[in-house]
């Protein structure tokens, strides 16, 4: 896999895999985050910042954005004492987008969108109440993507963290996003420094059709990016399928050809967008025996 010349947040947020939260009260962490492998950097002035430090964190964000940066900001939830001031602060900046915490209704998104017109909003759903309204939230004017706030959701519901326990919730996110014609949802973060645990958790996200994941440290971003990108086997399958289709005259052979063709093209388009060198797979040793990727892995 090659590294794109444009790093981090420069990847289109529609396709963004790693969404790196950075404590807004720690300005010294902004630049390292921006030069990391994060697809999107999100300056966090919500949960990461104590109430007494909110003003200082806002000042840090304004200073950073005024220097020509266009990162995202996670703002405090609608109805908190800080929501209106957060949006007022951002209204005069070139913020790339906002991640709105604790979204529980359409009004939370629509009222935010009124104050920040033309700014994309990731609706962070973190409670049972929000999950019950996720279809309406996804369809709200202003919602750009959905994100799953796992930690707060588990605290709210008492659920554990096993993938089976959260299967229903993750499925609701994916279905709501698809029904509203949004990019696929962003999964919640994985706590800890174990690369194996993070890799397994990212595979769970992919299995449920989620194409992004919140990261807590820059070191998590490469693992998430790899886990949410087309694999080398998938790229090889896509190229082999399209080559075989052309060799057969480019004629539809059965009802599975069109969806498989669309999937193959999507895999190759994503590989290019993520800087994966697809030309390496022009020649495969045994193209007749490349298995098709799992139907549960969606892009």
Protein backbone atom coordinates (compact mmCIF):
# COMPACT_ATOMS: atom_id res chain seq x y z
CA UNK A 1 0.00 0.00 0.00
CA UNK A 2 1.37 3.40 -0.95
CA UNK A 3 0.93 6.46 1.22
CA UNK A 4 -0.98 9.30 -0.49
CA UNK A 5 0.96 12.52 -0.87
CA UNK A 6 -1.89 14.35 0.83
CA UNK A 7 -2.12 12.99 4.34
CA UNK A 8 -4.73 12.87 7.03
CA UNK A 9 -7.80 15.04 6.79
CA UNK A 10 -7.26 15.77 3.09
CA UNK A 11 -9.07 12.54 2.22
CA UNK A 12 -12.67 13.23 1.27
CA UNK A 13 -14.79 12.91 4.44
CA UNK A 14 -17.36 10.96 2.41
CA UNK A 15 -14.75 8.19 2.20
CA UNK A 16 -12.95 8.89 5.48
CA UNK A 17 -12.07 5.84 7.54
CA UNK A 18 -10.17 7.13 10.58
CA UNK A 19 -11.71 10.04 12.52
CA UNK A 20 -9.11 11.12 15.07
CA UNK A 21 -10.34 12.92 18.21
CA UNK A 22 -7.84 15.42 19.64
CA UNK A 23 -8.25 17.11 23.01
CA UNK A 24 -9.11 20.73 22.26
CA UNK A 25 -7.44 21.98 25.42
CA UNK A 26 -4.05 20.59 24.32
CA UNK A 27 -2.97 22.79 21.44
CA UNK A 28 0.41 21.10 21.17
CA UNK A 29 -1.33 17.94 19.94
CA UNK A 30 -3.02 19.62 16.97
CA UNK A 31 -0.06 19.68 14.58
CA UNK A 32 1.05 16.06 15.20
CA UNK A 33 -2.55 14.96 14.63
CA UNK A 34 -2.76 16.89 11.37
CA UNK A 35 0.41 15.22 10.09
CA UNK A 36 -0.71 11.74 11.16
CA UNK A 37 -2.39 9.11 9.00
CA UNK A 38 -5.83 10.25 10.16
CA UNK A 39 -8.30 10.74 7.33
CA UNK A 40 -10.11 13.40 9.38
CA UNK A 41 -8.87 15.24 12.46
CA UNK A 42 -11.61 16.23 14.92
CA UNK A 43 -10.68 18.80 17.55
CA UNK A 44 -12.69 17.76 20.58
CA UNK A 45 -14.19 20.47 22.80
CA UNK A 46 -16.84 18.15 24.24
CA UNK A 47 -16.09 15.11 26.42
CA UNK A 48 -12.32 15.57 26.35
CA UNK A 49 -12.54 19.04 27.92
CA UNK A 50 -13.56 19.84 31.49
CA UNK A 51 -16.14 22.63 31.92
CA UNK A 52 -13.52 24.99 33.34
CA UNK A 53 -11.38 24.56 30.20
CA UNK A 54 -14.09 25.04 27.55
CA UNK A 55 -13.24 28.67 26.82
CA UNK A 56 -9.53 27.94 26.49
CA UNK A 57 -10.29 25.00 24.18
CA UNK A 58 -12.45 27.22 21.96
CA UNK A 59 -9.62 29.75 21.81
CA UNK A 60 -7.24 26.99 20.71
CA UNK A 61 -9.61 25.91 17.96
CA UNK A 62 -10.07 29.48 16.65
CA UNK A 63 -6.30 29.99 16.67
CA UNK A 64 -5.73 26.74 14.74
CA UNK A 65 -8.42 27.39 12.14
CA UNK A 66 -7.27 30.99 11.70
CA UNK A 67 -3.87 29.66 10.63
CA UNK A 68 -5.42 28.16 7.50
CA UNK A 69 -6.35 24.72 8.81
CA UNK A 70 -9.72 23.18 7.96
CA UNK A 71 -10.12 20.41 10.49
CA UNK A 72 -13.38 19.29 12.07
CA UNK A 73 -14.59 20.04 15.60
CA UNK A 74 -16.64 17.93 17.99
CA UNK A 75 -19.02 20.35 19.68
CA UNK A 76 -21.10 19.98 22.80
CA UNK A 77 -24.60 18.59 22.48
CA UNK A 78 -27.78 20.56 21.88
CA UNK A 79 -29.23 21.70 25.20
CA UNK A 80 -25.90 21.86 27.05
CA UNK A 81 -24.66 25.20 28.40
CA UNK A 82 -21.89 25.24 25.78
CA UNK A 83 -23.64 24.32 22.52
CA UNK A 84 -24.66 27.84 21.44
CA UNK A 85 -21.27 29.34 22.28
CA UNK A 86 -19.48 26.56 20.43
CA UNK A 87 -21.46 27.28 17.26
CA UNK A 88 -21.07 31.03 17.62
CA UNK A 89 -17.32 30.55 17.83
CA UNK A 90 -17.24 28.35 14.71
CA UNK A 91 -19.53 30.56 12.64
CA UNK A 92 -16.66 32.88 11.79
CA UNK A 93 -14.16 30.16 10.88
CA UNK A 94 -13.37 27.86 7.96
CA UNK A 95 -14.13 24.72 9.97
CA UNK A 96 -14.25 21.59 7.83
CA UNK A 97 -17.28 20.18 9.61
CA UNK A 98 -18.68 19.42 13.03
CA UNK A 99 -19.34 16.25 14.95
CA UNK A 100 -22.40 16.98 17.05
CA UNK A 101 -22.46 15.09 20.35
CA UNK A 102 -25.47 13.42 21.98
CA UNK A 103 -27.88 13.69 19.05
CA UNK A 104 -31.32 12.46 20.10
CA UNK A 105 -33.69 14.13 17.65
CA UNK A 106 -33.97 15.84 14.29
CA UNK A 107 -34.08 19.23 16.02
CA UNK A 108 -30.56 18.77 17.36
CA UNK A 109 -29.22 18.55 13.82
CA UNK A 110 -31.52 21.10 12.20
CA UNK A 111 -30.90 23.78 14.83
CA UNK A 112 -27.15 23.24 14.51
CA UNK A 113 -27.39 23.46 10.73
CA UNK A 114 -29.27 26.77 10.99
CA UNK A 115 -26.39 28.30 12.92
CA UNK A 116 -23.70 26.75 10.73
CA UNK A 117 -25.14 26.77 7.21
CA UNK A 118 -23.28 24.71 4.62
CA UNK A 119 -21.15 23.02 7.28
CA UNK A 120 -21.39 19.20 7.18
CA UNK A 121 -22.60 17.61 10.42
CA UNK A 122 -21.76 14.15 11.68
CA UNK A 123 -24.57 13.18 14.03
CA UNK A 124 -23.05 11.31 16.98
CA UNK A 125 -25.80 9.09 18.38
CA UNK A 126 -24.95 7.89 21.88
CA UNK A 127 -28.17 6.93 23.69
CA UNK A 128 -31.13 4.58 23.44
CA UNK A 129 -33.35 7.58 22.76
CA UNK A 130 -31.16 8.59 19.84
CA UNK A 131 -31.05 5.06 18.45
CA UNK A 132 -34.85 4.86 18.49
CA UNK A 133 -34.94 7.99 16.29
CA UNK A 134 -31.95 7.22 14.12
CA UNK A 135 -33.94 6.88 10.90
CA UNK A 136 -35.31 10.41 11.28
CA UNK A 137 -31.91 11.75 12.36
CA UNK A 138 -30.26 10.24 9.28
CA UNK A 139 -32.86 11.87 7.04
CA UNK A 140 -32.57 15.28 8.71
CA UNK A 141 -31.47 18.17 6.54
CA UNK A 142 -27.88 18.81 7.52
CA UNK A 143 -26.89 15.28 8.53
CA UNK A 144 -23.75 14.33 6.61
CA UNK A 145 -22.90 11.01 8.29
CA UNK A 146 -23.91 9.07 11.37
CA UNK A 147 -21.47 8.05 14.12
CA UNK A 148 -21.93 5.56 16.95
CA UNK A 149 -20.94 6.82 20.41
CA UNK A 150 -20.33 3.39 21.92
CA UNK A 151 -19.09 4.43 25.37
CA UNK A 152 -22.04 6.61 26.26
CA UNK A 153 -24.45 4.18 24.62
CA UNK A 154 -23.21 1.36 26.82
CA UNK A 155 -23.47 3.55 29.90
CA UNK A 156 -27.00 4.51 28.94
CA UNK A 157 -28.20 0.99 28.23
CA UNK A 158 -26.01 -1.20 30.44
CA UNK A 159 -24.87 -3.21 27.40
CA UNK A 160 -21.51 -4.95 27.30
CA UNK A 161 -19.01 -4.48 24.49
CA UNK A 162 -19.24 -7.88 22.80
CA UNK A 163 -19.96 -7.57 19.05
CA UNK A 164 -23.06 -9.75 19.42
CA UNK A 165 -24.45 -7.46 22.13
CA UNK A 166 -24.08 -4.38 19.92
CA UNK A 167 -25.10 -6.09 16.67
CA UNK A 168 -28.60 -4.64 16.68
CA UNK A 169 -27.35 -1.10 17.27
CA UNK A 170 -24.69 -1.29 14.56
CA UNK A 171 -27.21 -2.72 12.13
CA UNK A 172 -29.58 0.18 12.80
CA UNK A 173 -26.82 2.67 11.98
CA UNK A 174 -25.97 1.01 8.68
CA UNK A 175 -29.57 0.60 7.58
CA UNK A 176 -30.54 4.17 8.53
CA UNK A 177 -27.55 5.60 6.66
CA UNK A 178 -28.30 3.56 3.56
CA UNK A 179 -32.00 4.42 3.60
CA UNK A 180 -31.15 8.14 3.82
CA UNK A 181 -28.57 7.91 1.01
CA UNK A 182 -25.74 8.87 3.35
CA UNK A 183 -22.20 7.52 3.34
CA UNK A 184 -21.96 4.51 5.62
CA UNK A 185 -21.81 5.11 9.37
CA UNK A 186 -18.75 5.73 11.54
CA UNK A 187 -18.22 3.19 14.32
CA UNK A 188 -17.19 4.13 17.84
CA UNK A 189 -13.66 3.98 19.22
CA UNK A 190 -11.72 1.08 20.66
CA UNK A 191 -10.02 1.82 23.98
CA UNK A 192 -6.52 0.50 24.58
CA UNK A 193 -3.20 0.18 22.81
CA UNK A 194 -3.42 -3.41 21.55
CA UNK A 195 -3.04 -3.50 17.78
CA UNK A 196 -4.62 -6.95 17.64
CA UNK A 197 -7.71 -5.85 19.59
CA UNK A 198 -8.05 -2.76 17.38
CA UNK A 199 -7.67 -4.82 14.22
CA UNK A 200 -10.36 -7.26 15.39
CA UNK A 201 -12.67 -4.39 16.35
CA UNK A 202 -12.18 -2.74 12.96
CA UNK A 203 -13.06 -6.03 11.27
CA UNK A 204 -16.32 -6.01 13.26
CA UNK A 205 -17.05 -2.48 12.01
CA UNK A 206 -16.49 -3.61 8.43
CA UNK A 207 -18.64 -6.71 8.91
CA UNK A 208 -21.56 -4.48 9.88
CA UNK A 209 -21.09 -2.26 6.83
CA UNK A 210 -19.55 0.67 8.72
CA UNK A 211 -16.85 2.40 6.71
CA UNK A 212 -15.40 4.78 9.32
CA UNK A 213 -14.19 4.49 12.90
CA UNK A 214 -13.39 7.02 15.61
CA UNK A 215 -9.76 6.88 16.75
CA UNK A 216 -8.38 8.04 20.10
CA UNK A 217 -4.67 8.27 19.22
CA UNK A 218 -2.73 8.87 15.99
CA UNK A 219 -1.23 5.40 16.36
CA UNK A 220 -4.65 3.82 15.85
CA UNK A 221 -5.22 5.43 12.45
CA UNK A 222 -3.06 3.19 10.22
CA UNK A 223 -4.69 0.03 11.61
CA UNK A 224 -8.18 1.46 11.08
CA UNK A 225 -7.31 2.69 7.60
CA UNK A 226 -6.02 -0.72 6.58
CA UNK A 227 -8.98 -2.56 8.08
CA UNK A 228 -11.52 -0.34 6.33
CA UNK A 229 -9.80 -0.36 2.94
CA UNK A 230 -10.16 -2.96 0.20
CA UNK A 231 -7.76 -5.82 0.86
CA UNK A 232 -5.22 -7.01 -1.68
CA UNK A 233 -7.30 -10.15 -2.21
CA UNK A 234 -10.40 -8.06 -2.92
CA UNK A 235 -8.49 -5.89 -5.38
CA UNK A 236 -7.16 -8.98 -7.15
CA UNK A 237 -10.67 -10.45 -7.34
CA UNK A 238 -12.10 -7.20 -8.73
CA UNK A 239 -9.50 -6.94 -11.47
CA UNK A 240 -9.83 -10.62 -12.37
CA UNK A 241 -13.62 -10.37 -12.55
CA UNK A 242 -13.57 -7.30 -14.81
CA UNK A 243 -10.84 -8.82 -17.03
CA UNK A 244 -12.82 -12.04 -17.34
CA UNK A 245 -15.98 -10.11 -18.17
CA UNK A 246 -14.18 -8.29 -20.98
CA UNK A 247 -12.65 -11.53 -22.27
CA UNK A 248 -16.15 -12.97 -22.52
CA UNK A 249 -17.21 -10.11 -24.76
CA UNK A 250 -18.62 -7.74 -22.15
CA UNK A 251 -22.05 -9.35 -22.33
CA UNK A 252 -24.28 -9.90 -19.30
CA UNK A 253 -24.24 -13.62 -18.57
CA UNK A 254 -26.60 -13.90 -15.61
CA UNK A 255 -28.35 -11.85 -12.93
CA UNK A 256 -25.27 -11.64 -10.74
CA UNK A 257 -23.04 -9.91 -13.28
CA UNK A 258 -24.29 -6.34 -12.83
CA UNK A 259 -24.06 -6.24 -9.01
CA UNK A 260 -20.67 -7.95 -9.10
CA UNK A 261 -19.45 -5.51 -11.73
CA UNK A 262 -20.60 -2.57 -9.61
CA UNK A 263 -18.85 -4.06 -6.60
CA UNK A 264 -15.63 -4.68 -8.48
CA UNK A 265 -15.56 -1.11 -9.80
CA UNK A 266 -16.26 0.25 -6.31
CA UNK A 267 -13.39 -1.75 -4.84
CA UNK A 268 -10.96 -0.41 -7.42
CA UNK A 269 -12.25 3.17 -7.09
CA UNK A 270 -11.76 3.00 -3.31
CA UNK A 271 -8.31 1.49 -3.70
CA UNK A 272 -7.27 4.44 -5.85
CA UNK A 273 -8.84 6.97 -3.48
CA UNK A 274 -6.95 5.47 -0.56
CA UNK A 275 -3.63 5.36 -2.38
CA UNK A 276 -3.47 1.59 -2.87
CA UNK A 277 -1.52 0.77 -6.01
CA UNK A 278 -3.94 -1.29 -8.10
CA UNK A 279 -1.60 -1.68 -11.08
CA UNK A 280 0.35 -4.26 -9.10
CA UNK A 281 -2.54 -6.66 -9.66
CA UNK A 282 -2.63 -6.53 -13.45
CA UNK A 283 -1.10 -9.99 -13.56
CA UNK A 284 -2.24 -12.63 -11.10
CA UNK A 285 -0.74 -16.09 -10.92
CA UNK A 286 -4.02 -18.03 -10.85
CA UNK A 287 -6.96 -15.75 -11.66
CA UNK A 288 -9.42 -18.61 -12.01
CA UNK A 289 -9.12 -19.41 -8.31
CA UNK A 290 -9.43 -15.99 -6.68
CA UNK A 291 -12.40 -16.18 -4.30
CA UNK A 292 -15.01 -13.45 -4.35
CA UNK A 293 -14.93 -11.22 -1.24
CA UNK A 294 -17.50 -11.81 1.46
CA UNK A 295 -20.91 -10.37 0.69
CA UNK A 296 -21.02 -8.94 4.21
CA UNK A 297 -18.17 -6.51 3.47
CA UNK A 298 -19.83 -3.39 2.10
CA UNK A 299 -18.45 -0.18 0.61
